[in-house]
Amino acid sequence: MARKHATSGELIDIAPLGASLADTHSSTLIRAEHFEVFRMVLPAGKATPMHEASGLITIQCIEGSVELEAHGRTQLMQPGHLVYLADREPHAVRAIEDSSLLVTIVLHRE
């Protein structure tokens, strides 16, 4: 069964998953016409391919650590780190350890 998306005014728990991290899948928390928020869960060693979003994004590391490749460099993201990427900025993420990220996208849907 698919998880329902949050509605306006509904509280969403984005606390670290801790011991349940390994058993949790990525999921979309909010989906609106031009706005999405999702929790990305990446096991250690897994990576996203280089890609770009149709809109500006933020990525916040909730737990674990990941390498973010963007703007021609690789940066280590750890809990408490947040990065903003401009519209269509190519990027990739690789988990150094089991990790969860909060990704927000302001979309250009047509």
PDB file of N, CA and C in Angstrom:
ATOM      1  N   MET A   1       0.846  -1.176   0.000  1.00  0.00           N
ATOM      2  CA  MET A   1       0.000   0.000   0.000  1.00  0.00           C
ATOM      3  C   MET A   1       0.896   1.245   0.000  1.00  0.00           C
ATOM      4  N   ALA A   2       0.595   2.184  -0.845  1.00  0.00           N
ATOM      5  CA  ALA A   2       1.377   3.422  -0.948  1.00  0.00           C
ATOM      6  C   ALA A   2       1.094   4.327   0.244  1.00  0.00           C
ATOM      7  N   ARG A   3       2.128   5.013   0.692  1.00  0.00           N
ATOM      8  CA  ARG A   3       1.978   5.964   1.784  1.00  0.00           C
ATOM      9  C   ARG A   3       1.254   7.185   1.250  1.00  0.00           C
ATOM     10  N   LYS A   4       0.316   7.705   2.012  1.00  0.00           N
ATOM     11  CA  LYS A   4      -0.383   8.907   1.573  1.00  0.00           C
ATOM     12  C   LYS A   4       0.504  10.124   1.777  1.00  0.00           C
ATOM     13  N   HIS A   5       0.330  11.091   0.929  1.00  0.00           N
ATOM     14  CA  HIS A   5       1.093  12.329   1.057  1.00  0.00           C
ATOM     15  C   HIS A   5       0.451  13.208   2.115  1.00  0.00           C
ATOM     16  N   ALA A   6       1.268  13.991   2.786  1.00  0.00           N
ATOM     17  CA  ALA A   6       0.765  14.885   3.825  1.00  0.00           C
ATOM     18  C   ALA A   6      -0.112  15.971   3.211  1.00  0.00           C
ATOM     19  N   THR A   7      -1.037  16.433   3.997  1.00  0.00           N
ATOM     20  CA  THR A   7      -1.910  17.528   3.569  1.00  0.00           C
ATOM     21  C   THR A   7      -1.476  18.810   4.280  1.00  0.00           C
ATOM     22  N   SER A   8      -1.947  19.922   3.793  1.00  0.00           N
ATOM     23  CA  SER A   8      -1.610  21.218   4.384  1.00  0.00           C
ATOM     24  C   SER A   8      -1.933  21.217   5.881  1.00  0.00           C
ATOM     25  N   GLY A   9      -0.969  21.596   6.695  1.00  0.00           N
ATOM     26  CA  GLY A   9      -1.161  21.669   8.140  1.00  0.00           C
ATOM     27  C   GLY A   9      -0.839  20.396   8.895  1.00  0.00           C
ATOM     28  N   GLU A  10      -0.597  19.294   8.189  1.00  0.00           N
ATOM     29  CA  GLU A  10      -0.309  18.013   8.837  1.00  0.00           C
ATOM     30  C   GLU A  10       1.165  17.949   9.254  1.00  0.00           C
ATOM     31  N   LEU A  11       1.426  17.531  10.483  1.00  0.00           N
ATOM     32  CA  LEU A  11       2.803  17.364  10.957  1.00  0.00           C
ATOM     33  C   LEU A  11       3.432  16.128  10.318  1.00  0.00           C
ATOM     34  N   ILE A  12       4.715  16.247   9.974  1.00  0.00           N
ATOM     35  CA  ILE A  12       5.451  15.139   9.364  1.00  0.00           C
ATOM     36  C   ILE A  12       6.693  14.883  10.212  1.00  0.00           C
ATOM     37  N   ASP A  13       6.908  13.632  10.582  1.00  0.00           N
ATOM     38  CA  ASP A  13       8.072  13.259  11.376  1.00  0.00           C
ATOM     39  C   ASP A  13       9.259  13.026  10.440  1.00  0.00           C
ATOM     40  N   ILE A  14      10.289  13.868  10.556  1.00  0.00           N
ATOM     41  CA  ILE A  14      11.491  13.691   9.744  1.00  0.00           C
ATOM     42  C   ILE A  14      12.697  13.370  10.634  1.00  0.00           C
ATOM     43  N   ALA A  15      12.429  12.925  11.847  1.00  0.00           N
ATOM     44  CA  ALA A  15      13.504  12.578  12.779  1.00  0.00           C
ATOM     45  C   ALA A  15      14.344  11.448  12.192  1.00  0.00           C
ATOM     46  N   PRO A  16      15.605  11.337  12.618  1.00  0.00           N
ATOM     47  CA  PRO A  16      16.426  10.219  12.159  1.00  0.00           C
ATOM     48  C   PRO A  16      15.712   8.888  12.401  1.00  0.00           C
ATOM     49  N   LEU A  17      15.909   7.957  11.483  1.00  0.00           N
ATOM     50  CA  LEU A  17      15.244   6.657  11.564  1.00  0.00           C
ATOM     51  C   LEU A  17      15.958   5.698  12.512  1.00  0.00           C
ATOM     52  N   GLY A  18      17.238   5.961  12.778  1.00  0.00           N
ATOM     53  CA  GLY A  18      17.990   5.127  13.711  1.00  0.00           C
ATOM     54  C   GLY A  18      18.015   3.671  13.300  1.00  0.00           C
ATOM     55  N   ALA A  19      17.630   2.797  14.214  1.00  0.00           N
ATOM     56  CA  ALA A  19      17.680   1.352  13.982  1.00  0.00           C
ATOM     57  C   ALA A  19      16.791   0.891  12.839  1.00  0.00           C
ATOM     58  N   SER A  20      15.751   1.644  12.490  1.00  0.00           N
ATOM     59  CA  SER A  20      14.851   1.226  11.402  1.00  0.00           C
ATOM     60  C   SER A  20      15.315   1.720  10.025  1.00  0.00           C
ATOM     61  N   LEU A  21      16.446   2.422   9.978  1.00  0.00           N
ATOM     62  CA  LEU A  21      16.948   2.954   8.707  1.00  0.00           C
ATOM     63  C   LEU A  21      17.116   1.861   7.657  1.00  0.00           C
ATOM     64  N   ALA A  22      17.709   0.735   8.031  1.00  0.00           N
ATOM     65  CA  ALA A  22      17.980  -0.343   7.078  1.00  0.00           C
ATOM     66  C   ALA A  22      16.702  -0.961   6.502  1.00  0.00           C
ATOM     67  N   ASP A  23      15.579  -0.825   7.198  1.00  0.00           N
ATOM     68  CA  ASP A  23      14.318  -1.429   6.752  1.00  0.00           C
ATOM     69  C   ASP A  23      13.366  -0.420   6.127  1.00  0.00           C
ATOM     70  N   THR A  24      13.830   0.805   5.896  1.00  0.00           N
ATOM     71  CA  THR A  24      12.970   1.870   5.378  1.00  0.00           C
ATOM     72  C   THR A  24      13.330   2.176   3.934  1.00  0.00           C
ATOM     73  N   HIS A  25      12.311   2.453   3.132  1.00  0.00           N
ATOM     74  CA  HIS A  25      12.504   2.817   1.725  1.00  0.00           C
ATOM     75  C   HIS A  25      12.287   4.308   1.553  1.00  0.00           C
ATOM     76  N   SER A  26      12.835   4.852   0.482  1.00  0.00           N
ATOM     77  CA  SER A  26      12.585   6.254   0.140  1.00  0.00           C
ATOM     78  C   SER A  26      11.091   6.460  -0.062  1.00  0.00           C
ATOM     79  N   SER A  27      10.593   7.644   0.299  1.00  0.00           N
ATOM     80  CA  SER A  27       9.166   7.910   0.120  1.00  0.00           C
ATOM     81  C   SER A  27       8.910   9.407  -0.054  1.00  0.00           C
ATOM     82  N   THR A  28       7.893   9.707  -0.845  1.00  0.00           N
ATOM     83  CA  THR A  28       7.469  11.090  -1.038  1.00  0.00           C
ATOM     84  C   THR A  28       6.573  11.477   0.131  1.00  0.00           C
ATOM     85  N   LEU A  29       6.902  12.583   0.782  1.00  0.00           N
ATOM     86  CA  LEU A  29       6.135  13.046   1.936  1.00  0.00           C
ATOM     87  C   LEU A  29       5.073  14.058   1.541  1.00  0.00           C
ATOM     88  N   ILE A  30       5.430  14.962   0.626  1.00  0.00           N
ATOM     89  CA  ILE A  30       4.507  16.004   0.155  1.00  0.00           C
ATOM     90  C   ILE A  30       4.586  16.046  -1.360  1.00  0.00           C
ATOM     91  N   ARG A  31       3.441  16.107  -1.999  1.00  0.00           N
ATOM     92  CA  ARG A  31       3.393  16.279  -3.451  1.00  0.00           C
ATOM     93  C   ARG A  31       2.279  17.275  -3.768  1.00  0.00           C
ATOM     94  N   ALA A  32       2.686  18.389  -4.359  1.00  0.00           N
ATOM     95  CA  ALA A  32       1.743  19.407  -4.812  1.00  0.00           C
ATOM     96  C   ALA A  32       2.117  19.751  -6.252  1.00  0.00           C
ATOM     97  N   GLU A  33       1.375  20.647  -6.858  1.00  0.00           N
ATOM     98  CA  GLU A  33       1.576  20.931  -8.278  1.00  0.00           C
ATOM     99  C   GLU A  33       3.014  21.325  -8.612  1.00  0.00           C
ATOM    100  N   HIS A  34       3.628  22.184  -7.825  1.00  0.00           N
ATOM    101  CA  HIS A  34       4.981  22.651  -8.133  1.00  0.00           C
ATOM    102  C   HIS A  34       5.965  22.458  -6.978  1.00  0.00           C
ATOM    103  N   PHE A  35       5.662  21.484  -6.103  1.00  0.00           N
ATOM    104  CA  PHE A  35       6.452  21.330  -4.885  1.00  0.00           C
ATOM    105  C   PHE A  35       6.433  19.875  -4.443  1.00  0.00           C
ATOM    106  N   GLU A  36       7.610  19.325  -4.159  1.00  0.00           N
ATOM    107  CA  GLU A  36       7.704  17.966  -3.627  1.00  0.00           C
ATOM    108  C   GLU A  36       8.745  17.917  -2.517  1.00  0.00           C
ATOM    109  N   VAL A  37       8.471  17.089  -1.520  1.00  0.00           N
ATOM    110  CA  VAL A  37       9.429  16.803  -0.460  1.00  0.00           C
ATOM    111  C   VAL A  37       9.453  15.294  -0.301  1.00  0.00           C
ATOM    112  N   PHE A  38      10.653  14.737  -0.318  1.00  0.00           N
ATOM    113  CA  PHE A  38      10.742  13.300  -0.080  1.00  0.00           C
ATOM    114  C   PHE A  38      11.949  12.964   0.779  1.00  0.00           C
ATOM    115  N   ARG A  39      11.820  11.818   1.468  1.00  0.00           N
ATOM    116  CA  ARG A  39      12.925  11.292   2.253  1.00  0.00           C
ATOM    117  C   ARG A  39      13.607  10.247   1.380  1.00  0.00           C
ATOM    118  N   MET A  40      14.873  10.494   1.077  1.00  0.00           N
ATOM    119  CA  MET A  40      15.665   9.539   0.308  1.00  0.00           C
ATOM    120  C   MET A  40      16.485   8.711   1.280  1.00  0.00           C
ATOM    121  N   VAL A  41      16.359   7.400   1.175  1.00  0.00           N
ATOM    122  CA  VAL A  41      17.119   6.481   2.010  1.00  0.00           C
ATOM    123  C   VAL A  41      18.117   5.766   1.113  1.00  0.00           C
ATOM    124  N   LEU A  42      19.383   5.867   1.456  1.00  0.00           N
ATOM    125  CA  LEU A  42      20.447   5.231   0.672  1.00  0.00           C
ATOM    126  C   LEU A  42      21.300   4.349   1.577  1.00  0.00           C
ATOM    127  N   PRO A  43      21.351   3.047   1.313  1.00  0.00           N
ATOM    128  CA  PRO A  43      22.253   2.180   2.062  1.00  0.00           C
ATOM    129  C   PRO A  43      23.705   2.508   1.706  1.00  0.00           C
ATOM    130  N   ALA A  44      24.624   2.219   2.603  1.00  0.00           N
ATOM    131  CA  ALA A  44      26.045   2.461   2.365  1.00  0.00           C
ATOM    132  C   ALA A  44      26.471   1.869   1.031  1.00  0.00           C
ATOM    133  N   GLY A  45      27.213   2.662   0.252  1.00  0.00           N
ATOM    134  CA  GLY A  45      27.716   2.212  -1.038  1.00  0.00           C
ATOM    135  C   GLY A  45      26.795   2.467  -2.215  1.00  0.00           C
ATOM    136  N   LYS A  46      25.525   2.723  -1.973  1.00  0.00           N
ATOM    137  CA  LYS A  46      24.572   2.982  -3.065  1.00  0.00           C
ATOM    138  C   LYS A  46      24.689   4.435  -3.510  1.00  0.00           C
ATOM    139  N   ALA A  47      24.347   4.671  -4.775  1.00  0.00           N
ATOM    140  CA  ALA A  47      24.466   6.019  -5.326  1.00  0.00           C
ATOM    141  C   ALA A  47      23.347   6.294  -6.318  1.00  0.00           C
ATOM    142  N   THR A  48      23.062   7.564  -6.498  1.00  0.00           N
ATOM    143  CA  THR A  48      22.176   7.980  -7.580  1.00  0.00           C
ATOM    144  C   THR A  48      23.067   8.290  -8.775  1.00  0.00           C
ATOM    145  N   PRO A  49      22.593   8.060  -9.986  1.00  0.00           N
ATOM    146  CA  PRO A  49      23.393   8.471 -11.144  1.00  0.00           C
ATOM    147  C   PRO A  49      23.398   9.996 -11.246  1.00  0.00           C
ATOM    148  N   MET A  50      24.332  10.543 -11.979  1.00  0.00           N
ATOM    149  CA  MET A  50      24.337  11.984 -12.232  1.00  0.00           C
ATOM    150  C   MET A  50      23.021  12.320 -12.923  1.00  0.00           C
ATOM    151  N   HIS A  51      22.316  13.309 -12.399  1.00  0.00           N
ATOM    152  CA  HIS A  51      21.021  13.702 -12.964  1.00  0.00           C
ATOM    153  C   HIS A  51      20.774  15.165 -12.639  1.00  0.00           C
ATOM    154  N   GLU A  52      19.663  15.696 -13.133  1.00  0.00           N
ATOM    155  CA  GLU A  52      19.277  17.074 -12.826  1.00  0.00           C
ATOM    156  C   GLU A  52      17.784  17.115 -12.569  1.00  0.00           C
ATOM    157  N   ALA A  53      17.379  18.020 -11.702  1.00  0.00           N
ATOM    158  CA  ALA A  53      15.963  18.181 -11.373  1.00  0.00           C
ATOM    159  C   ALA A  53      15.383  19.326 -12.191  1.00  0.00           C
ATOM    160  N   SER A  54      14.120  19.207 -12.504  1.00  0.00           N
ATOM    161  CA  SER A  54      13.418  20.276 -13.211  1.00  0.00           C
ATOM    162  C   SER A  54      12.899  21.273 -12.190  1.00  0.00           C
ATOM    163  N   GLY A  55      13.832  22.012 -11.607  1.00  0.00           N
ATOM    164  CA  GLY A  55      13.501  22.993 -10.584  1.00  0.00           C
ATOM    165  C   GLY A  55      14.631  23.079  -9.584  1.00  0.00           C
ATOM    166  N   LEU A  56      14.554  24.081  -8.716  1.00  0.00           N
ATOM    167  CA  LEU A  56      15.592  24.203  -7.696  1.00  0.00           C
ATOM    168  C   LEU A  56      15.319  23.203  -6.586  1.00  0.00           C
ATOM    169  N   ILE A  57      16.402  22.756  -5.934  1.00  0.00           N
ATOM    170  CA  ILE A  57      16.257  21.756  -4.876  1.00  0.00           C
ATOM    171  C   ILE A  57      17.118  22.110  -3.670  1.00  0.00           C
ATOM    172  N   THR A  58      16.727  21.561  -2.537  1.00  0.00           N
ATOM    173  CA  THR A  58      17.588  21.531  -1.362  1.00  0.00           C
ATOM    174  C   THR A  58      17.718  20.071  -0.947  1.00  0.00           C
ATOM    175  N   ILE A  59      18.879  19.744  -0.406  1.00  0.00           N
ATOM    176  CA  ILE A  59      19.129  18.411   0.139  1.00  0.00           C
ATOM    177  C   ILE A  59      19.663  18.613   1.551  1.00  0.00           C
ATOM    178  N   GLN A  60      18.996  17.992   2.513  1.00  0.00           N
ATOM    179  CA  GLN A  60      19.407  18.076   3.907  1.00  0.00           C
ATOM    180  C   GLN A  60      19.753  16.682   4.399  1.00  0.00           C
ATOM    181  N   CYS A  61      20.941  16.526   4.974  1.00  0.00           N
ATOM    182  CA  CYS A  61      21.340  15.234   5.530  1.00  0.00           C
ATOM    183  C   CYS A  61      20.716  15.088   6.920  1.00  0.00           C
ATOM    184  N   ILE A  62      19.886  14.074   7.077  1.00  0.00           N
ATOM    185  CA  ILE A  62      19.234  13.807   8.357  1.00  0.00           C
ATOM    186  C   ILE A  62      20.103  12.883   9.215  1.00  0.00           C
ATOM    187  N   GLU A  63      20.651  11.835   8.570  1.00  0.00           N
ATOM    188  CA  GLU A  63      21.510  10.885   9.291  1.00  0.00           C
ATOM    189  C   GLU A  63      22.426  10.180   8.305  1.00  0.00           C
ATOM    190  N   GLY A  64      23.548   9.684   8.826  1.00  0.00           N
ATOM    191  CA  GLY A  64      24.541   9.036   7.984  1.00  0.00           C
ATOM    192  C   GLY A  64      25.468  10.069   7.365  1.00  0.00           C
ATOM    193  N   SER A  65      26.097   9.698   6.271  1.00  0.00           N
ATOM    194  CA  SER A  65      26.928  10.642   5.525  1.00  0.00           C
ATOM    195  C   SER A  65      26.941  10.242   4.060  1.00  0.00           C
ATOM    196  N   VAL A  66      26.959  11.245   3.204  1.00  0.00           N
ATOM    197  CA  VAL A  66      26.946  11.031   1.758  1.00  0.00           C
ATOM    198  C   VAL A  66      27.952  11.964   1.102  1.00  0.00           C
ATOM    199  N   GLU A  67      28.397  11.576  -0.086  1.00  0.00           N
ATOM    200  CA  GLU A  67      29.189  12.460  -0.921  1.00  0.00           C
ATOM    201  C   GLU A  67      28.259  13.043  -1.970  1.00  0.00           C
ATOM    202  N   LEU A  68      28.234  14.362  -2.051  1.00  0.00           N
ATOM    203  CA  LEU A  68      27.442  15.076  -3.053  1.00  0.00           C
ATOM    204  C   LEU A  68      28.379  15.559  -4.140  1.00  0.00           C
ATOM    205  N   GLU A  69      28.104  15.161  -5.372  1.00  0.00           N
ATOM    206  CA  GLU A  69      28.875  15.633  -6.509  1.00  0.00           C
ATOM    207  C   GLU A  69      28.034  16.655  -7.264  1.00  0.00           C
ATOM    208  N   ALA A  70      28.522  17.884  -7.336  1.00  0.00           N
ATOM    209  CA  ALA A  70      27.827  18.974  -8.036  1.00  0.00           C
ATOM    210  C   ALA A  70      28.809  20.122  -8.224  1.00  0.00           C
ATOM    211  N   HIS A  71      28.577  20.930  -9.218  1.00  0.00           N
ATOM    212  CA  HIS A  71      29.423  22.101  -9.479  1.00  0.00           C
ATOM    213  C   HIS A  71      30.901  21.725  -9.639  1.00  0.00           C
ATOM    214  N   GLY A  72      31.163  20.536 -10.193  1.00  0.00           N
ATOM    215  CA  GLY A  72      32.529  20.129 -10.459  1.00  0.00           C
ATOM    216  C   GLY A  72      33.341  19.721  -9.245  1.00  0.00           C
ATOM    217  N   ARG A  73      32.680  19.490  -8.124  1.00  0.00           N
ATOM    218  CA  ARG A  73      33.410  19.061  -6.935  1.00  0.00           C
ATOM    219  C   ARG A  73      32.561  18.065  -6.126  1.00  0.00           C
ATOM    220  N   THR A  74      33.224  17.383  -5.213  1.00  0.00           N
ATOM    221  CA  THR A  74      32.553  16.430  -4.327  1.00  0.00           C
ATOM    222  C   THR A  74      32.677  16.950  -2.905  1.00  0.00           C
ATOM    223  N   GLN A  75      31.544  16.980  -2.196  1.00  0.00           N
ATOM    224  CA  GLN A  75      31.515  17.472  -0.818  1.00  0.00           C
ATOM    225  C   GLN A  75      30.900  16.405   0.082  1.00  0.00           C
ATOM    226  N   LEU A  76      31.420  16.298   1.284  1.00  0.00           N
ATOM    227  CA  LEU A  76      30.877  15.373   2.274  1.00  0.00           C
ATOM    228  C   LEU A  76      29.728  16.053   3.003  1.00  0.00           C
ATOM    229  N   MET A  77      28.570  15.415   2.998  1.00  0.00           N
ATOM    230  CA  MET A  77      27.411  15.910   3.748  1.00  0.00           C
ATOM    231  C   MET A  77      27.184  14.995   4.942  1.00  0.00           C
ATOM    232  N   GLN A  78      27.001  15.609   6.108  1.00  0.00           N
ATOM    233  CA  GLN A  78      26.734  14.891   7.339  1.00  0.00           C
ATOM    234  C   GLN A  78      25.501  15.493   8.002  1.00  0.00           C
ATOM    235  N   PRO A  79      24.961  14.861   9.049  1.00  0.00           N
ATOM    236  CA  PRO A  79      23.762  15.389   9.697  1.00  0.00           C
ATOM    237  C   PRO A  79      23.895  16.878  10.027  1.00  0.00           C
ATOM    238  N   GLY A  80      22.860  17.623   9.676  1.00  0.00           N
ATOM    239  CA  GLY A  80      22.848  19.062   9.906  1.00  0.00           C
ATOM    240  C   GLY A  80      23.281  19.866   8.695  1.00  0.00           C
ATOM    241  N   HIS A  81      23.842  19.221   7.675  1.00  0.00           N
ATOM    242  CA  HIS A  81      24.249  19.934   6.465  1.00  0.00           C
ATOM    243  C   HIS A  81      23.072  20.058   5.496  1.00  0.00           C
ATOM    244  N   LEU A  82      23.008  21.205   4.838  1.00  0.00           N
ATOM    245  CA  LEU A  82      21.977  21.511   3.849  1.00  0.00           C
ATOM    246  C   LEU A  82      22.660  22.130   2.650  1.00  0.00           C
ATOM    247  N   VAL A  83      22.230  21.744   1.454  1.00  0.00           N
ATOM    248  CA  VAL A  83      22.773  22.337   0.232  1.00  0.00           C
ATOM    249  C   VAL A  83      21.616  22.737  -0.681  1.00  0.00           C
ATOM    250  N   TYR A  84      21.809  23.839  -1.377  1.00  0.00           N
ATOM    251  CA  TYR A  84      20.858  24.331  -2.383  1.00  0.00           C
ATOM    252  C   TYR A  84      21.495  24.133  -3.747  1.00  0.00           C
ATOM    253  N   LEU A  85      20.723  23.609  -4.693  1.00  0.00           N
ATOM    254  CA  LEU A  85      21.180  23.464  -6.074  1.00  0.00           C
ATOM    255  C   LEU A  85      20.208  24.187  -6.992  1.00  0.00           C
ATOM    256  N   ALA A  86      20.750  24.987  -7.881  1.00  0.00           N
ATOM    257  CA  ALA A  86      19.933  25.751  -8.821  1.00  0.00           C
ATOM    258  C   ALA A  86      19.219  24.822  -9.800  1.00  0.00           C
ATOM    259  N   ASP A  87      18.231  25.364 -10.466  1.00  0.00           N
ATOM    260  CA  ASP A  87      17.447  24.648 -11.467  1.00  0.00           C
ATOM    261  C   ASP A  87      18.359  23.925 -12.457  1.00  0.00           C
ATOM    262  N   ARG A  88      18.128  22.629 -12.611  1.00  0.00           N
ATOM    263  CA  ARG A  88      18.825  21.773 -13.574  1.00  0.00           C
ATOM    264  C   ARG A  88      20.331  21.613 -13.329  1.00  0.00           C
ATOM    265  N   GLU A  89      20.781  21.849 -12.114  1.00  0.00           N
ATOM    266  CA  GLU A  89      22.194  21.637 -11.794  1.00  0.00           C
ATOM    267  C   GLU A  89      22.465  20.125 -11.711  1.00  0.00           C
ATOM    268  N   PRO A  90      23.337  19.598 -12.571  1.00  0.00           N
ATOM    269  CA  PRO A  90      23.646  18.160 -12.504  1.00  0.00           C
ATOM    270  C   PRO A  90      24.260  17.802 -11.148  1.00  0.00           C
ATOM    271  N   HIS A  91      23.829  16.670 -10.599  1.00  0.00           N
ATOM    272  CA  HIS A  91      24.322  16.241  -9.301  1.00  0.00           C
ATOM    273  C   HIS A  91      24.150  14.736  -9.124  1.00  0.00           C
ATOM    274  N   ALA A  92      24.924  14.177  -8.220  1.00  0.00           N
ATOM    275  CA  ALA A  92      24.821  12.767  -7.845  1.00  0.00           C
ATOM    276  C   ALA A  92      25.120  12.668  -6.359  1.00  0.00           C
ATOM    277  N   VAL A  93      24.604  11.623  -5.729  1.00  0.00           N
ATOM    278  CA  VAL A  93      24.801  11.396  -4.302  1.00  0.00           C
ATOM    279  C   VAL A  93      25.230   9.947  -4.104  1.00  0.00           C
ATOM    280  N   ARG A  94      26.261   9.734  -3.267  1.00  0.00           N
ATOM    281  CA  ARG A  94      26.711   8.385  -2.928  1.00  0.00           C
ATOM    282  C   ARG A  94      26.794   8.268  -1.414  1.00  0.00           C
ATOM    283  N   ALA A  95      26.156   7.225  -0.882  1.00  0.00           N
ATOM    284  CA  ALA A  95      26.141   7.021   0.570  1.00  0.00           C
ATOM    285  C   ALA A  95      27.453   6.420   1.051  1.00  0.00           C
ATOM    286  N   ILE A  96      28.082   7.070   2.003  1.00  0.00           N
ATOM    287  CA  ILE A  96      29.278   6.552   2.663  1.00  0.00           C
ATOM    288  C   ILE A  96      28.861   5.532   3.722  1.00  0.00           C
ATOM    289  N   GLU A  97      27.754   5.836   4.393  1.00  0.00           N
ATOM    290  CA  GLU A  97      27.162   4.918   5.365  1.00  0.00           C
ATOM    291  C   GLU A  97      25.648   4.977   5.162  1.00  0.00           C
ATOM    292  N   ASP A  98      24.910   4.070   5.777  1.00  0.00           N
ATOM    293  CA  ASP A  98      23.452   4.115   5.660  1.00  0.00           C
ATOM    294  C   ASP A  98      23.001   5.528   5.994  1.00  0.00           C
ATOM    295  N   SER A  99      22.186   6.118   5.107  1.00  0.00           N
ATOM    296  CA  SER A  99      21.858   7.542   5.230  1.00  0.00           C
ATOM    297  C   SER A  99      20.410   7.824   4.866  1.00  0.00           C
ATOM    298  N   SER A 100      19.890   8.912   5.435  1.00  0.00           N
ATOM    299  CA  SER A 100      18.604   9.433   4.969  1.00  0.00           C
ATOM    300  C   SER A 100      18.755  10.935   4.756  1.00  0.00           C
ATOM    301  N   LEU A 101      18.132  11.393   3.680  1.00  0.00           N
ATOM    302  CA  LEU A 101      18.203  12.785   3.248  1.00  0.00           C
ATOM    303  C   LEU A 101      16.797  13.319   3.073  1.00  0.00           C
ATOM    304  N   LEU A 102      16.609  14.595   3.345  1.00  0.00           N
ATOM    305  CA  LEU A 102      15.342  15.252   3.073  1.00  0.00           C
ATOM    306  C   LEU A 102      15.560  16.119   1.835  1.00  0.00           C
ATOM    307  N   VAL A 103      14.840  15.809   0.764  1.00  0.00           N
ATOM    308  CA  VAL A 103      15.002  16.504  -0.513  1.00  0.00           C
ATOM    309  C   VAL A 103      13.736  17.309  -0.802  1.00  0.00           C
ATOM    310  N   THR A 104      13.910  18.587  -1.087  1.00  0.00           N
ATOM    311  CA  THR A 104      12.804  19.482  -1.423  1.00  0.00           C
ATOM    312  C   THR A 104      13.034  19.991  -2.840  1.00  0.00           C
ATOM    313  N   ILE A 105      11.987  19.951  -3.664  1.00  0.00           N
ATOM    314  CA  ILE A 105      12.089  20.395  -5.054  1.00  0.00           C
ATOM    315  C   ILE A 105      10.957  21.382  -5.348  1.00  0.00           C
ATOM    316  N   VAL A 106      11.315  22.540  -5.890  1.00  0.00           N
ATOM    317  CA  VAL A 106      10.325  23.481  -6.436  1.00  0.00           C
ATOM    318  C   VAL A 106      10.335  23.220  -7.934  1.00  0.00           C
ATOM    319  N   LEU A 107       9.293  22.571  -8.424  1.00  0.00           N
ATOM    320  CA  LEU A 107       9.237  22.031  -9.779  1.00  0.00           C
ATOM    321  C   LEU A 107       8.711  22.998 -10.823  1.00  0.00           C
ATOM    322  N   HIS A 108       9.157  22.773 -12.040  1.00  0.00           N
ATOM    323  CA  HIS A 108       8.618  23.466 -13.216  1.00  0.00           C
ATOM    324  C   HIS A 108       7.742  22.474 -13.976  1.00  0.00           C
ATOM    325  N   ARG A 109       6.587  22.183 -13.467  1.00  0.00           N
ATOM    326  CA  ARG A 109       5.666  21.274 -14.179  1.00  0.00           C
ATOM    327  C   ARG A 109       4.906  22.077 -15.213  1.00  0.00           C
ATOM    328  N   GLU A 110       4.665  21.437 -16.338  1.00  0.00           N
ATOM    329  CA  GLU A 110       3.935  22.136 -17.401  1.00  0.00           C
ATOM    330  C   GLU A 110       2.576  21.541 -17.613  1.00  0.00           C
TER     331      GLU A 110
END
